[in-house]
Amino acid sequence: MIGVSTPDRGSDERFPTLLAAFPDAALLGRALVEAGLTIAVAESCTGGLLGAALTAVAGSSGYVRGGVIAYADDVKAEHLGVGRHLLATHGAVSSEVAGAMASGVRLRFDASLGVGITGVAGPDASEQKPAGLVFVAVADQATTRVIRLDEDHGREANRARAVQAALRLCDDVVREITASAPVSP
């Protein structure tokens, strides 16, 4: 039998780390643990980059429930419960679809928070949906918050910007949840 093993040599500075690129992932992880919350992600234009950033944190299995890369509309509909009428009416790149993705992934993965990201990473775009247009949504049990990003910085920067925006929005939501939680006597 032939086996392949790669010894763990620690980090190699020749390769950037996700934690270096997205330090807010560790901060969010700590906040989720302290609040006793979990998270699930539904990603389109970021293609799993948010999930990768979240799971780059040691111990993330304690709060990351899972995720779906939903590039195709039928995946959004069948696996996240996004209404086909919603997709036809507003288009996949819309605040409504981002919110539905966030709510759908939260419910399907039984998570405290669901994140939905949809947009045009670029370079291909249309006049109505230009490159850099991204919607990021975070849903909890009570509400869904959506933010819109509009600037085009190139494909990879657009994707990274969307992940950073998602991490920050999640952190804001966790802070709101913990601030409104009843204080024990």
N, C-alpha and C. Protein backbone atom coordinates (compact mmCIF):
# COMPACT_ATOMS: atom_id res chain seq x y z
N MET A 1 0.84 -1.18 0.00
CA MET A 1 0.00 0.00 0.00
C MET A 1 0.87 1.23 0.00
N ILE A 2 0.51 2.17 -0.84
CA ILE A 2 1.26 3.42 -0.91
C ILE A 2 0.46 4.48 -0.17
N GLY A 3 1.08 5.13 0.76
CA GLY A 3 0.43 6.21 1.51
C GLY A 3 1.13 7.52 1.22
N VAL A 4 0.36 8.57 1.27
CA VAL A 4 0.91 9.90 1.08
C VAL A 4 0.69 10.68 2.36
N SER A 5 1.75 11.20 2.87
CA SER A 5 1.59 12.04 4.06
C SER A 5 2.44 13.28 3.88
N THR A 6 1.95 14.34 4.43
CA THR A 6 2.67 15.60 4.38
C THR A 6 2.89 16.04 5.81
N PRO A 7 4.12 16.15 6.22
CA PRO A 7 4.35 16.59 7.59
C PRO A 7 3.91 18.04 7.78
N ASP A 8 3.39 18.34 8.94
CA ASP A 8 2.98 19.70 9.27
C ASP A 8 4.22 20.50 9.63
N ARG A 9 4.53 21.42 8.79
CA ARG A 9 5.73 22.23 9.02
C ARG A 9 5.38 23.62 9.53
N GLY A 10 4.15 23.82 9.95
CA GLY A 10 3.75 25.14 10.41
C GLY A 10 3.47 26.05 9.22
N SER A 11 3.33 27.32 9.49
CA SER A 11 3.01 28.24 8.40
C SER A 11 4.26 28.57 7.59
N ASP A 12 4.04 28.86 6.35
CA ASP A 12 5.10 29.21 5.42
C ASP A 12 4.82 30.63 4.94
N GLU A 13 5.69 31.55 5.26
CA GLU A 13 5.43 32.96 4.95
C GLU A 13 5.33 33.24 3.45
N ARG A 14 5.69 32.28 2.62
CA ARG A 14 5.53 32.47 1.18
C ARG A 14 4.06 32.45 0.78
N PHE A 15 3.22 31.88 1.62
CA PHE A 15 1.81 31.76 1.31
C PHE A 15 1.00 32.59 2.31
N PRO A 16 0.18 33.50 1.81
CA PRO A 16 -0.63 34.30 2.73
C PRO A 16 -1.66 33.41 3.43
N THR A 17 -2.02 33.77 4.63
CA THR A 17 -3.03 33.01 5.35
C THR A 17 -4.36 33.74 5.30
N LEU A 18 -5.42 32.97 5.41
CA LEU A 18 -6.75 33.57 5.44
C LEU A 18 -6.92 34.44 6.68
N LEU A 19 -6.33 34.03 7.79
CA LEU A 19 -6.44 34.84 9.00
C LEU A 19 -5.74 36.17 8.85
N ALA A 20 -4.64 36.20 8.11
CA ALA A 20 -3.96 37.48 7.87
C ALA A 20 -4.82 38.36 6.96
N ALA A 21 -5.47 37.76 5.98
CA ALA A 21 -6.32 38.50 5.07
C ALA A 21 -7.62 38.97 5.72
N PHE A 22 -8.14 38.15 6.64
CA PHE A 22 -9.43 38.43 7.27
C PHE A 22 -9.33 38.29 8.79
N PRO A 23 -8.61 39.19 9.45
CA PRO A 23 -8.46 39.08 10.91
C PRO A 23 -9.78 39.20 11.66
N ASP A 24 -10.78 39.83 11.04
CA ASP A 24 -12.08 39.94 11.70
C ASP A 24 -12.76 38.59 11.87
N ALA A 25 -12.32 37.56 11.14
CA ALA A 25 -12.90 36.22 11.30
C ALA A 25 -12.64 35.69 12.70
N ALA A 26 -11.44 35.92 13.22
CA ALA A 26 -11.13 35.47 14.58
C ALA A 26 -11.91 36.26 15.62
N LEU A 27 -12.05 37.57 15.40
CA LEU A 27 -12.82 38.40 16.32
C LEU A 27 -14.29 37.98 16.35
N LEU A 28 -14.84 37.70 15.16
CA LEU A 28 -16.22 37.24 15.09
C LEU A 28 -16.36 35.89 15.77
N GLY A 29 -15.42 35.00 15.54
CA GLY A 29 -15.46 33.68 16.18
C GLY A 29 -15.52 33.79 17.69
N ARG A 30 -14.68 34.64 18.23
CA ARG A 30 -14.67 34.85 19.69
C ARG A 30 -16.03 35.39 20.17
N ALA A 31 -16.58 36.35 19.42
CA ALA A 31 -17.87 36.93 19.79
C ALA A 31 -18.99 35.88 19.72
N LEU A 32 -18.95 35.03 18.69
CA LEU A 32 -19.96 33.98 18.57
C LEU A 32 -19.88 33.01 19.74
N VAL A 33 -18.67 32.61 20.10
CA VAL A 33 -18.48 31.69 21.23
C VAL A 33 -18.99 32.32 22.52
N GLU A 34 -18.60 33.55 22.77
CA GLU A 34 -19.01 34.23 24.01
C GLU A 34 -20.52 34.39 24.10
N ALA A 35 -21.17 34.59 22.95
CA ALA A 35 -22.62 34.76 22.93
C ALA A 35 -23.37 33.43 22.83
N GLY A 36 -22.65 32.33 22.59
CA GLY A 36 -23.28 31.03 22.44
C GLY A 36 -24.07 30.91 21.15
N LEU A 37 -23.59 31.55 20.10
CA LEU A 37 -24.30 31.56 18.82
C LEU A 37 -23.56 30.72 17.77
N THR A 38 -24.31 30.32 16.74
CA THR A 38 -23.74 29.58 15.62
C THR A 38 -24.02 30.33 14.32
N ILE A 39 -23.31 29.92 13.25
CA ILE A 39 -23.43 30.63 11.98
C ILE A 39 -23.41 29.63 10.82
N ALA A 40 -24.13 29.97 9.75
CA ALA A 40 -24.11 29.21 8.50
C ALA A 40 -24.06 30.22 7.36
N VAL A 41 -23.44 29.83 6.25
CA VAL A 41 -23.24 30.78 5.15
C VAL A 41 -23.78 30.26 3.83
N ALA A 42 -24.32 31.17 3.03
CA ALA A 42 -24.77 30.89 1.67
C ALA A 42 -24.07 31.90 0.78
N GLU A 43 -23.19 31.40 -0.09
CA GLU A 43 -22.36 32.29 -0.88
C GLU A 43 -22.55 32.05 -2.37
N SER A 44 -22.61 33.15 -3.09
CA SER A 44 -22.62 33.07 -4.54
C SER A 44 -21.31 33.64 -5.07
N CYS A 45 -21.20 34.94 -5.20
CA CYS A 45 -20.01 35.54 -5.85
C CYS A 45 -18.72 35.34 -5.06
N THR A 46 -18.81 35.05 -3.78
CA THR A 46 -17.59 34.83 -2.98
C THR A 46 -17.14 33.38 -3.04
N GLY A 47 -17.95 32.50 -3.57
CA GLY A 47 -17.55 31.13 -3.85
C GLY A 47 -16.95 30.35 -2.69
N GLY A 48 -17.40 30.60 -1.49
CA GLY A 48 -16.90 29.86 -0.33
C GLY A 48 -15.80 30.57 0.45
N LEU A 49 -15.44 31.76 0.02
CA LEU A 49 -14.36 32.49 0.68
C LEU A 49 -14.73 32.88 2.12
N LEU A 50 -15.98 33.23 2.36
CA LEU A 50 -16.40 33.54 3.73
C LEU A 50 -16.30 32.30 4.61
N GLY A 51 -16.79 31.18 4.11
CA GLY A 51 -16.69 29.94 4.86
C GLY A 51 -15.25 29.56 5.14
N ALA A 52 -14.38 29.77 4.16
CA ALA A 52 -12.96 29.47 4.35
C ALA A 52 -12.35 30.38 5.40
N ALA A 53 -12.71 31.66 5.38
CA ALA A 53 -12.17 32.60 6.37
C ALA A 53 -12.65 32.22 7.77
N LEU A 54 -13.93 31.88 7.90
CA LEU A 54 -14.47 31.50 9.22
C LEU A 54 -13.81 30.24 9.76
N THR A 55 -13.61 29.25 8.88
CA THR A 55 -13.06 27.97 9.34
C THR A 55 -11.54 27.97 9.41
N ALA A 56 -10.90 29.05 9.03
CA ALA A 56 -9.45 29.18 9.22
C ALA A 56 -9.10 29.38 10.69
N VAL A 57 -10.10 29.71 11.49
CA VAL A 57 -9.91 29.95 12.92
C VAL A 57 -9.97 28.62 13.66
N ALA A 58 -8.95 28.33 14.43
CA ALA A 58 -8.96 27.10 15.24
C ALA A 58 -10.15 27.13 16.18
N GLY A 59 -10.86 26.01 16.26
CA GLY A 59 -12.03 25.92 17.13
C GLY A 59 -13.32 26.34 16.45
N SER A 60 -13.27 26.68 15.17
CA SER A 60 -14.46 27.16 14.47
C SER A 60 -15.56 26.11 14.36
N SER A 61 -15.20 24.85 14.53
CA SER A 61 -16.24 23.80 14.47
C SER A 61 -17.24 23.96 15.61
N GLY A 62 -16.89 24.75 16.60
CA GLY A 62 -17.80 25.00 17.72
C GLY A 62 -18.90 26.00 17.39
N TYR A 63 -18.77 26.73 16.29
CA TYR A 63 -19.80 27.72 15.96
C TYR A 63 -20.17 27.77 14.47
N VAL A 64 -19.38 27.21 13.59
CA VAL A 64 -19.74 27.17 12.16
C VAL A 64 -20.54 25.90 11.91
N ARG A 65 -21.79 26.07 11.46
CA ARG A 65 -22.66 24.91 11.20
C ARG A 65 -22.45 24.35 9.80
N GLY A 66 -22.15 25.21 8.82
CA GLY A 66 -21.95 24.75 7.46
C GLY A 66 -22.24 25.85 6.46
N GLY A 67 -22.24 25.47 5.19
CA GLY A 67 -22.48 26.46 4.16
C GLY A 67 -22.79 25.86 2.81
N VAL A 68 -23.26 26.72 1.92
CA VAL A 68 -23.62 26.33 0.57
C VAL A 68 -23.02 27.36 -0.39
N ILE A 69 -22.36 26.87 -1.43
CA ILE A 69 -21.95 27.74 -2.53
C ILE A 69 -23.06 27.64 -3.56
N ALA A 70 -23.81 28.71 -3.71
CA ALA A 70 -25.00 28.70 -4.56
C ALA A 70 -24.82 29.67 -5.72
N TYR A 71 -24.06 29.26 -6.70
CA TYR A 71 -23.84 30.09 -7.89
C TYR A 71 -25.08 30.09 -8.78
N ALA A 72 -25.66 28.93 -8.98
CA ALA A 72 -26.79 28.79 -9.90
C ALA A 72 -28.12 29.10 -9.20
N ASP A 73 -29.04 29.69 -9.97
CA ASP A 73 -30.35 30.03 -9.40
C ASP A 73 -31.09 28.80 -8.89
N ASP A 74 -30.98 27.66 -9.61
CA ASP A 74 -31.70 26.47 -9.15
C ASP A 74 -31.14 25.98 -7.82
N VAL A 75 -29.86 26.18 -7.56
CA VAL A 75 -29.28 25.82 -6.26
C VAL A 75 -29.83 26.75 -5.18
N LYS A 76 -29.91 28.03 -5.50
CA LYS A 76 -30.49 28.99 -4.54
C LYS A 76 -31.92 28.58 -4.18
N ALA A 77 -32.68 28.18 -5.19
CA ALA A 77 -34.07 27.80 -4.96
C ALA A 77 -34.19 26.46 -4.23
N GLU A 78 -33.51 25.43 -4.73
CA GLU A 78 -33.69 24.09 -4.19
C GLU A 78 -32.99 23.86 -2.85
N HIS A 79 -31.83 24.45 -2.66
CA HIS A 79 -31.08 24.16 -1.44
C HIS A 79 -31.18 25.24 -0.36
N LEU A 80 -31.63 26.42 -0.76
CA LEU A 80 -31.75 27.50 0.23
C LEU A 80 -33.18 28.00 0.39
N GLY A 81 -34.07 27.52 -0.47
CA GLY A 81 -35.47 27.92 -0.36
C GLY A 81 -35.77 29.31 -0.90
N VAL A 82 -34.88 29.84 -1.73
CA VAL A 82 -35.14 31.15 -2.35
C VAL A 82 -36.26 30.97 -3.37
N GLY A 83 -37.30 31.77 -3.27
CA GLY A 83 -38.44 31.63 -4.17
C GLY A 83 -38.08 31.91 -5.62
N ARG A 84 -38.55 31.05 -6.51
CA ARG A 84 -38.28 31.25 -7.93
C ARG A 84 -38.90 32.55 -8.43
N HIS A 85 -40.04 32.93 -7.87
CA HIS A 85 -40.67 34.20 -8.24
C HIS A 85 -39.78 35.38 -7.81
N LEU A 86 -39.17 35.25 -6.64
CA LEU A 86 -38.25 36.29 -6.14
C LEU A 86 -37.06 36.43 -7.09
N LEU A 87 -36.50 35.30 -7.51
CA LEU A 87 -35.38 35.31 -8.45
C LEU A 87 -35.79 35.92 -9.79
N ALA A 88 -36.98 35.58 -10.27
CA ALA A 88 -37.44 36.10 -11.56
C ALA A 88 -37.77 37.59 -11.48
N THR A 89 -38.31 38.01 -10.36
CA THR A 89 -38.73 39.40 -10.21
C THR A 89 -37.57 40.34 -9.94
N HIS A 90 -36.69 39.96 -9.02
CA HIS A 90 -35.61 40.86 -8.59
C HIS A 90 -34.25 40.50 -9.16
N GLY A 91 -34.08 39.27 -9.62
CA GLY A 91 -32.79 38.81 -10.10
C GLY A 91 -31.95 38.26 -8.97
N ALA A 92 -31.00 37.41 -9.31
CA ALA A 92 -30.16 36.77 -8.30
C ALA A 92 -29.33 37.79 -7.52
N VAL A 93 -28.95 38.88 -8.18
CA VAL A 93 -28.16 39.92 -7.52
C VAL A 93 -29.11 41.00 -7.04
N SER A 94 -29.62 40.83 -5.83
CA SER A 94 -30.57 41.78 -5.26
C SER A 94 -30.58 41.65 -3.74
N SER A 95 -31.04 42.68 -3.09
CA SER A 95 -31.13 42.63 -1.62
C SER A 95 -32.13 41.57 -1.18
N GLU A 96 -33.20 41.42 -1.96
CA GLU A 96 -34.22 40.44 -1.60
C GLU A 96 -33.68 39.02 -1.63
N VAL A 97 -32.91 38.69 -2.66
CA VAL A 97 -32.35 37.35 -2.77
C VAL A 97 -31.27 37.13 -1.71
N ALA A 98 -30.45 38.13 -1.45
CA ALA A 98 -29.44 37.99 -0.38
C ALA A 98 -30.12 37.69 0.94
N GLY A 99 -31.20 38.41 1.24
CA GLY A 99 -31.93 38.16 2.48
C GLY A 99 -32.55 36.78 2.54
N ALA A 100 -33.10 36.34 1.41
CA ALA A 100 -33.69 35.00 1.36
C ALA A 100 -32.62 33.92 1.51
N MET A 101 -31.44 34.15 0.92
CA MET A 101 -30.34 33.19 1.07
C MET A 101 -29.92 33.10 2.55
N ALA A 102 -29.82 34.24 3.21
CA ALA A 102 -29.42 34.27 4.62
C ALA A 102 -30.44 33.55 5.50
N SER A 103 -31.71 33.84 5.27
CA SER A 103 -32.76 33.19 6.06
C SER A 103 -32.82 31.69 5.78
N GLY A 104 -32.69 31.34 4.50
CA GLY A 104 -32.75 29.93 4.12
C GLY A 104 -31.62 29.11 4.70
N VAL A 105 -30.39 29.62 4.64
CA VAL A 105 -29.26 28.85 5.17
C VAL A 105 -29.34 28.76 6.69
N ARG A 106 -29.83 29.81 7.33
CA ARG A 106 -29.98 29.78 8.79
C ARG A 106 -30.95 28.67 9.21
N LEU A 107 -32.07 28.60 8.51
CA LEU A 107 -33.07 27.57 8.85
C LEU A 107 -32.58 26.16 8.50
N ARG A 108 -32.00 25.99 7.33
CA ARG A 108 -31.58 24.66 6.89
C ARG A 108 -30.44 24.08 7.70
N PHE A 109 -29.61 24.95 8.25
CA PHE A 109 -28.47 24.49 9.06
C PHE A 109 -28.72 24.67 10.55
N ASP A 110 -29.94 25.09 10.91
CA ASP A 110 -30.31 25.28 12.31
C ASP A 110 -29.26 26.13 13.04
N ALA A 111 -28.95 27.28 12.45
CA ALA A 111 -27.93 28.18 13.00
C ALA A 111 -28.60 29.42 13.61
N SER A 112 -27.90 30.06 14.50
CA SER A 112 -28.38 31.31 15.09
C SER A 112 -28.38 32.43 14.05
N LEU A 113 -27.32 32.45 13.23
CA LEU A 113 -27.18 33.46 12.19
C LEU A 113 -26.99 32.80 10.84
N GLY A 114 -27.58 33.39 9.82
CA GLY A 114 -27.35 32.98 8.45
C GLY A 114 -26.82 34.15 7.67
N VAL A 115 -25.87 33.90 6.80
CA VAL A 115 -25.29 34.95 5.96
C VAL A 115 -25.55 34.61 4.51
N GLY A 116 -26.00 35.59 3.74
CA GLY A 116 -26.19 35.43 2.31
C GLY A 116 -25.38 36.48 1.57
N ILE A 117 -24.61 36.04 0.59
CA ILE A 117 -23.83 36.98 -0.24
C ILE A 117 -24.11 36.67 -1.70
N THR A 118 -24.52 37.70 -2.43
CA THR A 118 -24.75 37.56 -3.86
C THR A 118 -24.32 38.86 -4.55
N GLY A 119 -23.74 38.73 -5.72
CA GLY A 119 -23.28 39.93 -6.40
C GLY A 119 -22.60 39.63 -7.71
N VAL A 120 -22.00 40.66 -8.27
CA VAL A 120 -21.25 40.57 -9.51
C VAL A 120 -19.79 40.83 -9.17
N ALA A 121 -19.01 39.76 -9.11
CA ALA A 121 -17.60 39.91 -8.76
C ALA A 121 -16.84 40.58 -9.90
N GLY A 122 -17.25 40.33 -11.14
CA GLY A 122 -16.59 40.91 -12.29
C GLY A 122 -15.65 39.92 -12.93
N PRO A 123 -15.08 40.22 -14.03
CA PRO A 123 -15.22 41.49 -14.75
C PRO A 123 -16.50 41.59 -15.57
N ASP A 124 -17.14 40.46 -15.88
CA ASP A 124 -18.38 40.52 -16.67
C ASP A 124 -19.47 41.17 -15.85
N ALA A 125 -20.26 42.00 -16.50
CA ALA A 125 -21.31 42.72 -15.80
C ALA A 125 -22.34 43.20 -16.84
N SER A 126 -23.37 43.84 -16.35
CA SER A 126 -24.35 44.46 -17.23
C SER A 126 -24.55 45.89 -16.75
N GLU A 127 -25.26 46.66 -17.53
CA GLU A 127 -25.51 48.05 -17.15
C GLU A 127 -26.35 48.11 -15.87
N GLN A 128 -27.30 47.19 -15.75
CA GLN A 128 -28.18 47.17 -14.58
C GLN A 128 -27.48 46.58 -13.35
N LYS A 129 -26.56 45.66 -13.57
CA LYS A 129 -25.86 44.98 -12.47
C LYS A 129 -24.35 45.06 -12.75
N PRO A 130 -23.73 46.18 -12.38
CA PRO A 130 -22.30 46.37 -12.70
C PRO A 130 -21.39 45.54 -11.80
N ALA A 131 -20.18 45.32 -12.26
CA ALA A 131 -19.17 44.64 -11.44
C ALA A 131 -18.98 45.43 -10.15
N GLY A 132 -18.87 44.72 -9.06
CA GLY A 132 -18.71 45.35 -7.75
C GLY A 132 -20.02 45.50 -6.99
N LEU A 133 -21.15 45.28 -7.67
CA LEU A 133 -22.44 45.34 -6.98
C LEU A 133 -22.63 44.04 -6.19
N VAL A 134 -22.67 44.15 -4.89
CA VAL A 134 -22.78 42.99 -4.02
C VAL A 134 -23.78 43.30 -2.91
N PHE A 135 -24.59 42.31 -2.56
CA PHE A 135 -25.50 42.43 -1.42
C PHE A 135 -25.09 41.39 -0.39
N VAL A 136 -24.96 41.84 0.85
CA VAL A 136 -24.59 40.98 1.97
C VAL A 136 -25.72 41.05 2.97
N ALA A 137 -26.24 39.90 3.36
CA ALA A 137 -27.35 39.85 4.31
C ALA A 137 -26.98 38.96 5.49
N VAL A 138 -27.47 39.35 6.66
CA VAL A 138 -27.34 38.53 7.86
C VAL A 138 -28.72 38.41 8.50
N ALA A 139 -29.14 37.17 8.69
CA ALA A 139 -30.45 36.91 9.29
C ALA A 139 -30.27 36.24 10.64
N ASP A 140 -31.03 36.72 11.61
CA ASP A 140 -31.14 36.01 12.88
C ASP A 140 -32.60 35.61 13.03
N GLN A 141 -32.98 35.18 14.20
CA GLN A 141 -34.35 34.71 14.39
C GLN A 141 -35.37 35.83 14.22
N ALA A 142 -34.97 37.06 14.54
CA ALA A 142 -35.92 38.17 14.54
C ALA A 142 -35.93 39.02 13.28
N THR A 143 -34.80 39.18 12.63
CA THR A 143 -34.72 40.14 11.53
C THR A 143 -33.61 39.78 10.54
N THR A 144 -33.65 40.45 9.40
CA THR A 144 -32.62 40.30 8.38
C THR A 144 -32.10 41.68 8.03
N ARG A 145 -30.78 41.82 8.06
CA ARG A 145 -30.14 43.09 7.71
C ARG A 145 -29.39 42.88 6.40
N VAL A 146 -29.48 43.86 5.51
CA VAL A 146 -28.82 43.77 4.21
C VAL A 146 -28.03 45.05 3.96
N ILE A 147 -26.80 44.89 3.46
CA ILE A 147 -26.03 46.04 3.04
C ILE A 147 -25.68 45.87 1.56
N ARG A 148 -25.42 46.99 0.91
CA ARG A 148 -25.11 47.01 -0.51
C ARG A 148 -23.71 47.60 -0.70
N LEU A 149 -22.91 46.91 -1.50
CA LEU A 149 -21.59 47.40 -1.88
C LEU A 149 -21.66 47.75 -3.36
N ASP A 150 -21.08 48.88 -3.76
CA ASP A 150 -21.24 49.34 -5.13
C ASP A 150 -19.97 49.53 -5.93
N GLU A 151 -18.84 49.62 -5.31
CA GLU A 151 -17.62 49.97 -6.04
C GLU A 151 -16.92 48.76 -6.62
N ASP A 152 -16.42 48.91 -7.84
CA ASP A 152 -15.68 47.85 -8.50
C ASP A 152 -14.19 48.04 -8.27
N HIS A 153 -13.57 47.05 -7.64
CA HIS A 153 -12.13 47.09 -7.37
C HIS A 153 -11.41 45.92 -8.04
N GLY A 154 -12.07 45.26 -8.98
CA GLY A 154 -11.52 44.07 -9.61
C GLY A 154 -12.07 42.83 -8.92
N ARG A 155 -12.10 41.74 -9.63
CA ARG A 155 -12.76 40.51 -9.17
C ARG A 155 -12.33 40.07 -7.76
N GLU A 156 -11.05 39.86 -7.56
CA GLU A 156 -10.61 39.35 -6.26
C GLU A 156 -10.84 40.34 -5.12
N ALA A 157 -10.61 41.61 -5.38
CA ALA A 157 -10.86 42.63 -4.34
C ALA A 157 -12.35 42.74 -4.05
N ASN A 158 -13.20 42.62 -5.07
CA ASN A 158 -14.65 42.66 -4.84
C ASN A 158 -15.08 41.51 -3.93
N ARG A 159 -14.53 40.34 -4.18
CA ARG A 159 -14.86 39.17 -3.35
C ARG A 159 -14.36 39.35 -1.92
N ALA A 160 -13.13 39.81 -1.78
CA ALA A 160 -12.56 40.03 -0.45
C ALA A 160 -13.33 41.11 0.30
N ARG A 161 -13.71 42.17 -0.40
CA ARG A 161 -14.48 43.24 0.22
C ARG A 161 -15.83 42.73 0.72
N ALA A 162 -16.45 41.85 -0.03
CA ALA A 162 -17.74 41.28 0.37
C ALA A 162 -17.58 40.43 1.63
N VAL A 163 -16.51 39.65 1.70
CA VAL A 163 -16.26 38.83 2.89
C VAL A 163 -16.01 39.73 4.10
N GLN A 164 -15.20 40.75 3.92
CA GLN A 164 -14.92 41.67 5.03
C GLN A 164 -16.20 42.35 5.51
N ALA A 165 -17.03 42.77 4.57
CA ALA A 165 -18.31 43.40 4.92
C ALA A 165 -19.21 42.42 5.67
N ALA A 166 -19.22 41.17 5.25
CA ALA A 166 -20.03 40.15 5.92
C ALA A 166 -19.54 39.92 7.35
N LEU A 167 -18.24 39.83 7.54
CA LEU A 167 -17.69 39.63 8.88
C LEU A 167 -18.08 40.79 9.80
N ARG A 168 -17.97 41.99 9.29
CA ARG A 168 -18.31 43.17 10.11
C ARG A 168 -19.80 43.25 10.40
N LEU A 169 -20.63 42.95 9.41
CA LEU A 169 -22.07 42.97 9.64
C LEU A 169 -22.46 41.90 10.65
N CYS A 170 -21.87 40.72 10.55
CA CYS A 170 -22.14 39.66 11.53
C CYS A 170 -21.75 40.12 12.94
N ASP A 171 -20.59 40.76 13.04
CA ASP A 171 -20.15 41.25 14.35
C ASP A 171 -21.14 42.27 14.90
N ASP A 172 -21.64 43.16 14.05
CA ASP A 172 -22.64 44.14 14.48
C ASP A 172 -23.89 43.44 14.99
N VAL A 173 -24.33 42.41 14.28
CA VAL A 173 -25.53 41.68 14.67
C VAL A 173 -25.31 40.96 16.01
N VAL A 174 -24.17 40.32 16.17
CA VAL A 174 -23.87 39.65 17.45
C VAL A 174 -23.88 40.66 18.59
N ARG A 175 -23.30 41.83 18.37
CA ARG A 175 -23.31 42.88 19.40
C ARG A 175 -24.73 43.32 19.75
N GLU A 176 -25.57 43.47 18.73
CA GLU A 176 -26.97 43.85 18.97
C GLU A 176 -27.69 42.77 19.77
N ILE A 177 -27.46 41.52 19.41
CA ILE A 177 -28.12 40.41 20.11
C ILE A 177 -27.68 40.37 21.58
N THR A 178 -26.39 40.49 21.81
CA THR A 178 -25.89 40.42 23.20
C THR A 178 -26.28 41.64 24.00
N ALA A 179 -26.40 42.80 23.35
CA ALA A 179 -26.80 44.01 24.06
C ALA A 179 -28.27 43.96 24.47
N SER A 180 -29.08 43.25 23.68
CA SER A 180 -30.50 43.17 23.98
C SER A 180 -30.87 41.96 24.85
N ALA A 181 -29.89 41.10 25.11
CA ALA A 181 -30.17 39.91 25.92
C ALA A 181 -30.41 40.32 27.37
N PRO A 182 -31.35 39.68 28.02
CA PRO A 182 -31.61 39.99 29.43
C PRO A 182 -30.39 39.67 30.29
N VAL A 183 -30.14 40.52 31.23
CA VAL A 183 -29.01 40.34 32.14
C VAL A 183 -29.45 39.45 33.30
N SER A 184 -28.64 38.43 33.59
CA SER A 184 -28.96 37.54 34.70
C SER A 184 -28.69 38.24 36.02
N PRO A 185 -29.55 38.00 37.01
CA PRO A 185 -29.36 38.64 38.31
C PRO A 185 -28.16 38.10 39.05
